[in-house]
Each structure stands twice: as C-alpha cells, then as structure tokens.
Amino acid sequence: RFPAINVMVHDVIAEDVVDMVRTGRVEVGVTFD
C-alpha cells in the first residue's frame, strides 16, 4: 500500500517493547497486554 515508507523493526523482549513505546523511541509496539 505504501511502498515509499521505510519501516524499522526492533525485535526486543516484551518488557523492552513497553519501554520503547513509553519513551517515544518507537510510535508503535506489539506485545502482551
């Protein structure tokens, strides 16, 4: 759908996903509730 958008994926443990979203290092995270 959006071929010109670059996506950087950080595959990190669930706790780090929460921290990265909370601190604004990433806009979106996928993790456990």
PDB file of all heavy atoms in Angstrom:
ATOM      1  N   ARG A   1       0.822  -1.216   0.000  1.00  0.00           N
ATOM      2  CA  ARG A   1       0.000   0.000   0.000  1.00  0.00           C
ATOM      3  C   ARG A   1       0.857   1.268   0.000  1.00  0.00           C
ATOM      4  O   ARG A   1       0.510   2.255  -0.645  1.00  0.00           O
ATOM      5  CB  ARG A   1      -0.918   0.012   1.217  1.00  0.00           C
ATOM      6  CG  ARG A   1      -1.951  -1.092   1.235  1.00  0.00           C
ATOM      7  CD  ARG A   1      -2.840  -0.984   2.471  1.00  0.00           C
ATOM      8  NE  ARG A   1      -3.767  -2.104   2.572  1.00  0.00           N
ATOM      9  CZ  ARG A   1      -4.603  -2.285   3.583  1.00  0.00           C
ATOM     10  NH1 ARG A   1      -4.626  -1.399   4.589  1.00  0.00           N
ATOM     11  NH2 ARG A   1      -5.402  -3.330   3.616  1.00  0.00           N
ATOM     12  N   PHE A   2       1.952   1.232   0.731  1.00  0.00           N
ATOM     13  CA  PHE A   2       2.780   2.428   0.906  1.00  0.00           C
ATOM     14  C   PHE A   2       4.249   2.073   0.664  1.00  0.00           C
ATOM     15  O   PHE A   2       5.040   1.961   1.603  1.00  0.00           O
ATOM     16  CB  PHE A   2       2.595   3.010   2.314  1.00  0.00           C
ATOM     17  CG  PHE A   2       1.153   3.152   2.720  1.00  0.00           C
ATOM     18  CD1 PHE A   2       0.610   2.310   3.680  1.00  0.00           C
ATOM     19  CD2 PHE A   2       0.335   4.097   2.132  1.00  0.00           C
ATOM     20  CE1 PHE A   2      -0.720   2.431   4.056  1.00  0.00           C
ATOM     21  CE2 PHE A   2      -0.995   4.223   2.494  1.00  0.00           C
ATOM     22  CZ  PHE A   2      -1.527   3.389   3.463  1.00  0.00           C
ATOM     23  N   PRO A   3       4.637   1.868  -0.598  1.00  0.00           N
ATOM     24  CA  PRO A   3       5.984   1.368  -0.903  1.00  0.00           C
ATOM     25  C   PRO A   3       7.113   2.318  -0.550  1.00  0.00           C
ATOM     26  O   PRO A   3       8.264   1.874  -0.430  1.00  0.00           O
ATOM     27  CB  PRO A   3       5.920   1.121  -2.418  1.00  0.00           C
ATOM     28  CG  PRO A   3       4.808   2.000  -2.913  1.00  0.00           C
ATOM     29  CD  PRO A   3       3.813   2.039  -1.803  1.00  0.00           C
ATOM     30  N   ALA A   4       6.832   3.602  -0.381  1.00  0.00           N
ATOM     31  CA  ALA A   4       7.908   4.563  -0.099  1.00  0.00           C
ATOM     32  C   ALA A   4       8.125   4.791   1.396  1.00  0.00           C
ATOM     33  O   ALA A   4       9.000   5.563   1.779  1.00  0.00           O
ATOM     34  CB  ALA A   4       7.608   5.899  -0.783  1.00  0.00           C
ATOM     35  N   ILE A   5       7.336   4.141   2.247  1.00  0.00           N
ATOM     36  CA  ILE A   5       7.502   4.299   3.687  1.00  0.00           C
ATOM     37  C   ILE A   5       8.494   3.249   4.199  1.00  0.00           C
ATOM     38  O   ILE A   5       8.302   2.053   4.006  1.00  0.00           O
ATOM     39  CB  ILE A   5       6.160   4.132   4.428  1.00  0.00           C
ATOM     40  CG1 ILE A   5       5.139   5.157   3.930  1.00  0.00           C
ATOM     41  CG2 ILE A   5       6.365   4.275   5.932  1.00  0.00           C
ATOM     42  CD1 ILE A   5       5.481   6.580   4.255  1.00  0.00           C
ATOM     43  N   ASN A   6       9.563   3.708   4.816  1.00  0.00           N
ATOM     44  CA  ASN A   6      10.550   2.799   5.397  1.00  0.00           C
ATOM     45  C   ASN A   6      10.124   2.414   6.809  1.00  0.00           C
ATOM     46  O   ASN A   6       9.703   3.263   7.590  1.00  0.00           O
ATOM     47  CB  ASN A   6      11.930   3.450   5.451  1.00  0.00           C
ATOM     48  CG  ASN A   6      12.470   3.754   4.056  1.00  0.00           C
ATOM     49  OD1 ASN A   6      12.215   2.992   3.124  1.00  0.00           O
ATOM     50  ND2 ASN A   6      13.192   4.840   3.920  1.00  0.00           N
ATOM     51  N   VAL A   7      10.254   1.147   7.134  1.00  0.00           N
ATOM     52  CA  VAL A   7       9.861   0.641   8.451  1.00  0.00           C
ATOM     53  C   VAL A   7      11.076   0.047   9.152  1.00  0.00           C
ATOM     54  O   VAL A   7      11.755  -0.819   8.595  1.00  0.00           O
ATOM     55  CB  VAL A   7       8.750  -0.427   8.347  1.00  0.00           C
ATOM     56  CG1 VAL A   7       8.345  -0.905   9.742  1.00  0.00           C
ATOM     57  CG2 VAL A   7       7.542   0.129   7.603  1.00  0.00           C
ATOM     58  N   MET A   8      11.353   0.530  10.364  1.00  0.00           N
ATOM     59  CA  MET A   8      12.430  -0.020  11.183  1.00  0.00           C
ATOM     60  C   MET A   8      11.814  -0.895  12.266  1.00  0.00           C
ATOM     61  O   MET A   8      11.000  -0.429  13.062  1.00  0.00           O
ATOM     62  CB  MET A   8      13.260   1.102  11.814  1.00  0.00           C
ATOM     63  CG  MET A   8      14.402   0.609  12.693  1.00  0.00           C
ATOM     64  SD  MET A   8      15.379   1.984  13.375  1.00  0.00           S
ATOM     65  CE  MET A   8      16.088   2.655  11.869  1.00  0.00           C
ATOM     66  N   VAL A   9      12.192  -2.157  12.295  1.00  0.00           N
ATOM     67  CA  VAL A   9      11.631  -3.114  13.251  1.00  0.00           C
ATOM     68  C   VAL A   9      12.651  -3.393  14.354  1.00  0.00           C
ATOM     69  O   VAL A   9      13.788  -3.779  14.081  1.00  0.00           O
ATOM     70  CB  VAL A   9      11.255  -4.435  12.559  1.00  0.00           C
ATOM     71  CG1 VAL A   9      10.724  -5.435  13.576  1.00  0.00           C
ATOM     72  CG2 VAL A   9      10.217  -4.183  11.469  1.00  0.00           C
ATOM     73  N   HIS A  10      12.220  -3.197  15.589  1.00  0.00           N
ATOM     74  CA  HIS A  10      13.047  -3.545  16.752  1.00  0.00           C
ATOM     75  C   HIS A  10      12.438  -4.799  17.376  1.00  0.00           C
ATOM     76  O   HIS A  10      11.369  -4.733  17.991  1.00  0.00           O
ATOM     77  CB  HIS A  10      13.053  -2.408  17.785  1.00  0.00           C
ATOM     78  CG  HIS A  10      13.625  -1.126  17.269  1.00  0.00           C
ATOM     79  ND1 HIS A  10      14.956  -0.805  17.372  1.00  0.00           N
ATOM     80  CD2 HIS A  10      13.035  -0.078  16.631  1.00  0.00           C
ATOM     81  CE1 HIS A  10      15.172   0.379  16.843  1.00  0.00           C
ATOM     82  NE2 HIS A  10      14.020   0.842  16.379  1.00  0.00           N
ATOM     83  N   ASP A  11      13.072  -5.954  17.197  1.00  0.00           N
ATOM     84  CA  ASP A  11      12.566  -7.168  17.811  1.00  0.00           C
ATOM     85  C   ASP A  11      13.250  -7.348  19.159  1.00  0.00           C
ATOM     86  O   ASP A  11      14.395  -7.760  19.246  1.00  0.00           O
ATOM     87  CB  ASP A  11      12.766  -8.381  16.905  1.00  0.00           C
ATOM     88  CG  ASP A  11      14.167  -8.489  16.335  1.00  0.00           C
ATOM     89  OD1 ASP A  11      14.901  -7.486  16.356  1.00  0.00           O
ATOM     90  OD2 ASP A  11      14.549  -9.580  15.887  1.00  0.00           O
ATOM     91  N   VAL A  12      12.510  -7.012  20.204  1.00  0.00           N
ATOM     92  CA  VAL A  12      13.034  -6.994  21.568  1.00  0.00           C
ATOM     93  C   VAL A  12      12.048  -7.703  22.488  1.00  0.00           C
ATOM     94  O   VAL A  12      10.899  -7.941  22.122  1.00  0.00           O
ATOM     95  CB  VAL A  12      13.281  -5.554  22.054  1.00  0.00           C
ATOM     96  CG1 VAL A  12      14.367  -4.879  21.220  1.00  0.00           C
ATOM     97  CG2 VAL A  12      11.993  -4.718  21.978  1.00  0.00           C
ATOM     98  N   ILE A  13      12.490  -8.027  23.693  1.00  0.00           N
ATOM     99  CA  ILE A  13      11.604  -8.713  24.624  1.00  0.00           C
ATOM    100  C   ILE A  13      10.412  -7.833  24.967  1.00  0.00           C
ATOM    101  O   ILE A  13      10.454  -6.608  24.817  1.00  0.00           O
ATOM    102  CB  ILE A  13      12.353  -9.140  25.900  1.00  0.00           C
ATOM    103  CG1 ILE A  13      12.889  -7.922  26.660  1.00  0.00           C
ATOM    104  CG2 ILE A  13      13.479 -10.110  25.564  1.00  0.00           C
ATOM    105  CD1 ILE A  13      13.508  -8.282  28.007  1.00  0.00           C
ATOM    106  N   ALA A  14       9.349  -8.470  25.439  1.00  0.00           N
ATOM    107  CA  ALA A  14       8.081  -7.767  25.667  1.00  0.00           C
ATOM    108  C   ALA A  14       8.238  -6.556  26.571  1.00  0.00           C
ATOM    109  O   ALA A  14       7.618  -5.503  26.341  1.00  0.00           O
ATOM    110  CB  ALA A  14       7.056  -8.732  26.253  1.00  0.00           C
ATOM    111  N   GLU A  15       9.069  -6.665  27.600  1.00  0.00           N
ATOM    112  CA  GLU A  15       9.258  -5.553  28.532  1.00  0.00           C
ATOM    113  C   GLU A  15       9.913  -4.362  27.837  1.00  0.00           C
ATOM    114  O   GLU A  15       9.579  -3.204  28.105  1.00  0.00           O
ATOM    115  CB  GLU A  15      10.109  -6.002  29.726  1.00  0.00           C
ATOM    116  CG  GLU A  15       9.447  -7.050  30.604  1.00  0.00           C
ATOM    117  CD  GLU A  15       9.463  -8.431  29.972  1.00  0.00           C
ATOM    118  OE1 GLU A  15      10.299  -8.683  29.080  1.00  0.00           O
ATOM    119  OE2 GLU A  15       8.622  -9.254  30.361  1.00  0.00           O
ATOM    120  N   ASP A  16      10.833  -4.638  26.926  1.00  0.00           N
ATOM    121  CA  ASP A  16      11.503  -3.554  26.204  1.00  0.00           C
ATOM    122  C   ASP A  16      10.571  -2.892  25.196  1.00  0.00           C
ATOM    123  O   ASP A  16      10.720  -1.703  24.892  1.00  0.00           O
ATOM    124  CB  ASP A  16      12.751  -4.077  25.495  1.00  0.00           C
ATOM    125  CG  ASP A  16      13.886  -4.367  26.459  1.00  0.00           C
ATOM    126  OD1 ASP A  16      13.780  -3.943  27.626  1.00  0.00           O
ATOM    127  OD2 ASP A  16      14.874  -5.012  26.047  1.00  0.00           O
ATOM    128  N   VAL A  17       9.627  -3.657  24.651  1.00  0.00           N
ATOM    129  CA  VAL A  17       8.621  -3.058  23.764  1.00  0.00           C
ATOM    130  C   VAL A  17       7.865  -1.966  24.513  1.00  0.00           C
ATOM    131  O   VAL A  17       7.690  -0.844  24.013  1.00  0.00           O
ATOM    132  CB  VAL A  17       7.646  -4.126  23.234  1.00  0.00           C
ATOM    133  CG1 VAL A  17       6.507  -3.450  22.451  1.00  0.00           C
ATOM    134  CG2 VAL A  17       8.360  -5.126  22.340  1.00  0.00           C
ATOM    135  N   VAL A  18       7.417  -2.280  25.715  1.00  0.00           N
ATOM    136  CA  VAL A  18       6.678  -1.307  26.524  1.00  0.00           C
ATOM    137  C   VAL A  18       7.537  -0.082  26.792  1.00  0.00           C
ATOM    138  O   VAL A  18       7.081   1.061  26.661  1.00  0.00           O
ATOM    139  CB  VAL A  18       6.233  -1.940  27.859  1.00  0.00           C
ATOM    140  CG1 VAL A  18       5.551  -0.899  28.754  1.00  0.00           C
ATOM    141  CG2 VAL A  18       5.282  -3.105  27.598  1.00  0.00           C
ATOM    142  N   ASP A  19       8.796  -0.291  27.135  1.00  0.00           N
ATOM    143  CA  ASP A  19       9.688   0.820  27.452  1.00  0.00           C
ATOM    144  C   ASP A  19       9.956   1.691  26.233  1.00  0.00           C
ATOM    145  O   ASP A  19       9.986   2.925  26.336  1.00  0.00           O
ATOM    146  CB  ASP A  19      11.012   0.274  28.011  1.00  0.00           C
ATOM    147  CG  ASP A  19      11.973   1.393  28.398  1.00  0.00           C
ATOM    148  OD1 ASP A  19      11.643   2.141  29.345  1.00  0.00           O
ATOM    149  OD2 ASP A  19      13.035   1.522  27.751  1.00  0.00           O
ATOM    150  N   MET A  20      10.148   1.081  25.069  1.00  0.00           N
ATOM    151  CA  MET A  20      10.442   1.847  23.856  1.00  0.00           C
ATOM    152  C   MET A  20       9.252   2.690  23.425  1.00  0.00           C
ATOM    153  O   MET A  20       9.419   3.818  22.948  1.00  0.00           O
ATOM    154  CB  MET A  20      10.883   0.910  22.731  1.00  0.00           C
ATOM    155  CG  MET A  20      12.218   0.237  22.986  1.00  0.00           C
ATOM    156  SD  MET A  20      12.779  -0.799  21.607  1.00  0.00           S
ATOM    157  CE  MET A  20      13.295   0.477  20.436  1.00  0.00           C
ATOM    158  N   VAL A  21       8.041   2.164  23.584  1.00  0.00           N
ATOM    159  CA  VAL A  21       6.845   2.955  23.264  1.00  0.00           C
ATOM    160  C   VAL A  21       6.687   4.077  24.277  1.00  0.00           C
ATOM    161  O   VAL A  21       6.439   5.235  23.916  1.00  0.00           O
ATOM    162  CB  VAL A  21       5.590   2.057  23.243  1.00  0.00           C
ATOM    163  CG1 VAL A  21       4.327   2.917  23.080  1.00  0.00           C
ATOM    164  CG2 VAL A  21       5.672   1.035  22.120  1.00  0.00           C
ATOM    165  N   ARG A  22       6.855   3.760  25.547  1.00  0.00           N
ATOM    166  CA  ARG A  22       6.656   4.747  26.611  1.00  0.00           C
ATOM    167  C   ARG A  22       7.613   5.925  26.469  1.00  0.00           C
ATOM    168  O   ARG A  22       7.246   7.081  26.720  1.00  0.00           O
ATOM    169  CB  ARG A  22       6.828   4.073  27.967  1.00  0.00           C
ATOM    170  CG  ARG A  22       6.748   5.025  29.162  1.00  0.00           C
ATOM    171  CD  ARG A  22       6.711   4.260  30.457  1.00  0.00           C
ATOM    172  NE  ARG A  22       5.395   3.693  30.708  1.00  0.00           N
ATOM    173  CZ  ARG A  22       5.176   2.452  31.144  1.00  0.00           C
ATOM    174  NH1 ARG A  22       6.196   1.641  31.365  1.00  0.00           N
ATOM    175  NH2 ARG A  22       3.941   2.037  31.366  1.00  0.00           N
ATOM    176  N   THR A  23       8.855   5.674  26.084  1.00  0.00           N
ATOM    177  CA  THR A  23       9.859   6.736  25.977  1.00  0.00           C
ATOM    178  C   THR A  23       9.869   7.408  24.614  1.00  0.00           C
ATOM    179  O   THR A  23      10.650   8.328  24.399  1.00  0.00           O
ATOM    180  CB  THR A  23      11.260   6.176  26.275  1.00  0.00           C
ATOM    181  OG1 THR A  23      11.558   5.104  25.357  1.00  0.00           O
ATOM    182  CG2 THR A  23      11.349   5.665  27.703  1.00  0.00           C
ATOM    183  N   GLY A  24       9.011   6.966  23.693  1.00  0.00           N
ATOM    184  CA  GLY A  24       8.923   7.610  22.392  1.00  0.00           C
ATOM    185  C   GLY A  24       9.973   7.173  21.399  1.00  0.00           C
ATOM    186  O   GLY A  24      10.091   7.771  20.319  1.00  0.00           O
ATOM    187  N   ARG A  25      10.730   6.124  21.698  1.00  0.00           N
ATOM    188  CA  ARG A  25      11.727   5.640  20.739  1.00  0.00           C
ATOM    189  C   ARG A  25      11.058   5.012  19.536  1.00  0.00           C
ATOM    190  O   ARG A  25      11.634   4.981  18.440  1.00  0.00           O
ATOM    191  CB  ARG A  25      12.669   4.646  21.415  1.00  0.00           C
ATOM    192  CG  ARG A  25      13.579   5.266  22.463  1.00  0.00           C
ATOM    193  CD  ARG A  25      14.394   4.227  23.179  1.00  0.00           C
ATOM    194  NE  ARG A  25      15.224   3.462  22.253  1.00  0.00           N
ATOM    195  CZ  ARG A  25      15.868   2.348  22.579  1.00  0.00           C
ATOM    196  NH1 ARG A  25      15.757   1.870  23.811  1.00  0.00           N
ATOM    197  NH2 ARG A  25      16.612   1.720  21.693  1.00  0.00           N
ATOM    198  N   VAL A  26       9.869   4.479  19.717  1.00  0.00           N
ATOM    199  CA  VAL A  26       9.049   3.976  18.614  1.00  0.00           C
ATOM    200  C   VAL A  26       7.629   4.490  18.816  1.00  0.00           C
ATOM    201  O   VAL A  26       7.224   4.798  19.933  1.00  0.00           O
ATOM    202  CB  VAL A  26       9.043   2.428  18.542  1.00  0.00           C
ATOM    203  CG1 VAL A  26      10.443   1.882  18.310  1.00  0.00           C
ATOM    204  CG2 VAL A  26       8.444   1.831  19.802  1.00  0.00           C
ATOM    205  N   GLU A  27       6.884   4.584  17.729  1.00  0.00           N
ATOM    206  CA  GLU A  27       5.490   5.017  17.832  1.00  0.00           C
ATOM    207  C   GLU A  27       4.545   3.860  18.129  1.00  0.00           C
ATOM    208  O   GLU A  27       3.508   4.046  18.776  1.00  0.00           O
ATOM    209  CB  GLU A  27       5.052   5.679  16.516  1.00  0.00           C
ATOM    210  CG  GLU A  27       5.654   7.040  16.254  1.00  0.00           C
ATOM    211  CD  GLU A  27       4.993   7.722  15.070  1.00  0.00           C
ATOM    212  OE1 GLU A  27       3.972   8.402  15.273  1.00  0.00           O
ATOM    213  OE2 GLU A  27       5.481   7.544  13.938  1.00  0.00           O
ATOM    214  N   VAL A  28       4.910   2.677  17.648  1.00  0.00           N
ATOM    215  CA  VAL A  28       4.011   1.528  17.731  1.00  0.00           C
ATOM    216  C   VAL A  28       4.760   0.330  18.308  1.00  0.00           C
ATOM    217  O   VAL A  28       5.924   0.097  17.969  1.00  0.00           O
ATOM    218  CB  VAL A  28       3.464   1.163  16.331  1.00  0.00           C
ATOM    219  CG1 VAL A  28       2.509  -0.022  16.422  1.00  0.00           C
ATOM    220  CG2 VAL A  28       2.770   2.364  15.699  1.00  0.00           C
ATOM    221  N   GLY A  29       4.086  -0.421  19.161  1.00  0.00           N
ATOM    222  CA  GLY A  29       4.650  -1.658  19.680  1.00  0.00           C
ATOM    223  C   GLY A  29       3.631  -2.771  19.607  1.00  0.00           C
ATOM    224  O   GLY A  29       2.421  -2.524  19.620  1.00  0.00           O
ATOM    225  N   VAL A  30       4.117  -4.000  19.517  1.00  0.00           N
ATOM    226  CA  VAL A  30       3.248  -5.171  19.588  1.00  0.00           C
ATOM    227  C   VAL A  30       3.785  -6.076  20.680  1.00  0.00           C
ATOM    228  O   VAL A  30       4.940  -6.519  20.617  1.00  0.00           O
ATOM    229  CB  VAL A  30       3.183  -5.934  18.253  1.00  0.00           C
ATOM    230  CG1 VAL A  30       2.280  -7.162  18.398  1.00  0.00           C
ATOM    231  CG2 VAL A  30       2.666  -5.038  17.142  1.00  0.00           C
ATOM    232  N   THR A  31       2.960  -6.345  21.682  1.00  0.00           N
ATOM    233  CA  THR A  31       3.428  -7.109  22.834  1.00  0.00           C
ATOM    234  C   THR A  31       2.238  -7.660  23.599  1.00  0.00           C
ATOM    235  O   THR A  31       1.086  -7.469  23.200  1.00  0.00           O
ATOM    236  CB  THR A  31       4.296  -6.225  23.754  1.00  0.00           C
ATOM    237  OG1 THR A  31       4.861  -7.017  24.790  1.00  0.00           O
ATOM    238  CG2 THR A  31       3.491  -5.085  24.345  1.00  0.00           C
ATOM    239  N   PHE A  32       2.530  -8.347  24.711  1.00  0.00           N
ATOM    240  CA  PHE A  32       1.465  -8.787  25.600  1.00  0.00           C
ATOM    241  C   PHE A  32       0.858  -7.579  26.314  1.00  0.00           C
ATOM    242  O   PHE A  32       1.498  -6.537  26.464  1.00  0.00           O
ATOM    243  CB  PHE A  32       2.002  -9.774  26.634  1.00  0.00           C
ATOM    244  CG  PHE A  32       2.463 -11.078  26.048  1.00  0.00           C
ATOM    245  CD1 PHE A  32       3.767 -11.510  26.207  1.00  0.00           C
ATOM    246  CD2 PHE A  32       1.583 -11.884  25.343  1.00  0.00           C
ATOM    247  CE1 PHE A  32       4.193 -12.721  25.682  1.00  0.00           C
ATOM    248  CE2 PHE A  32       1.995 -13.091  24.808  1.00  0.00           C
ATOM    249  CZ  PHE A  32       3.301 -13.511  24.979  1.00  0.00           C
ATOM    250  N   ASP A  33      -0.371  -7.727  26.762  1.00  0.00           N
ATOM    251  CA  ASP A  33      -1.061  -6.667  27.487  1.00  0.00           C
ATOM    252  C   ASP A  33      -0.276  -6.304  28.755  1.00  0.00           C
ATOM    253  O   ASP A  33      -0.070  -7.159  29.626  1.00  0.00           O
ATOM    254  CB  ASP A  33      -2.461  -7.150  27.877  1.00  0.00           C
ATOM    255  CG  ASP A  33      -3.323  -6.046  28.458  1.00  0.00           C
ATOM    256  OD1 ASP A  33      -2.786  -4.957  28.764  1.00  0.00           O
ATOM    257  OD2 ASP A  33      -4.537  -6.281  28.616  1.00  0.00           O
TER     258      ASP A  33
END
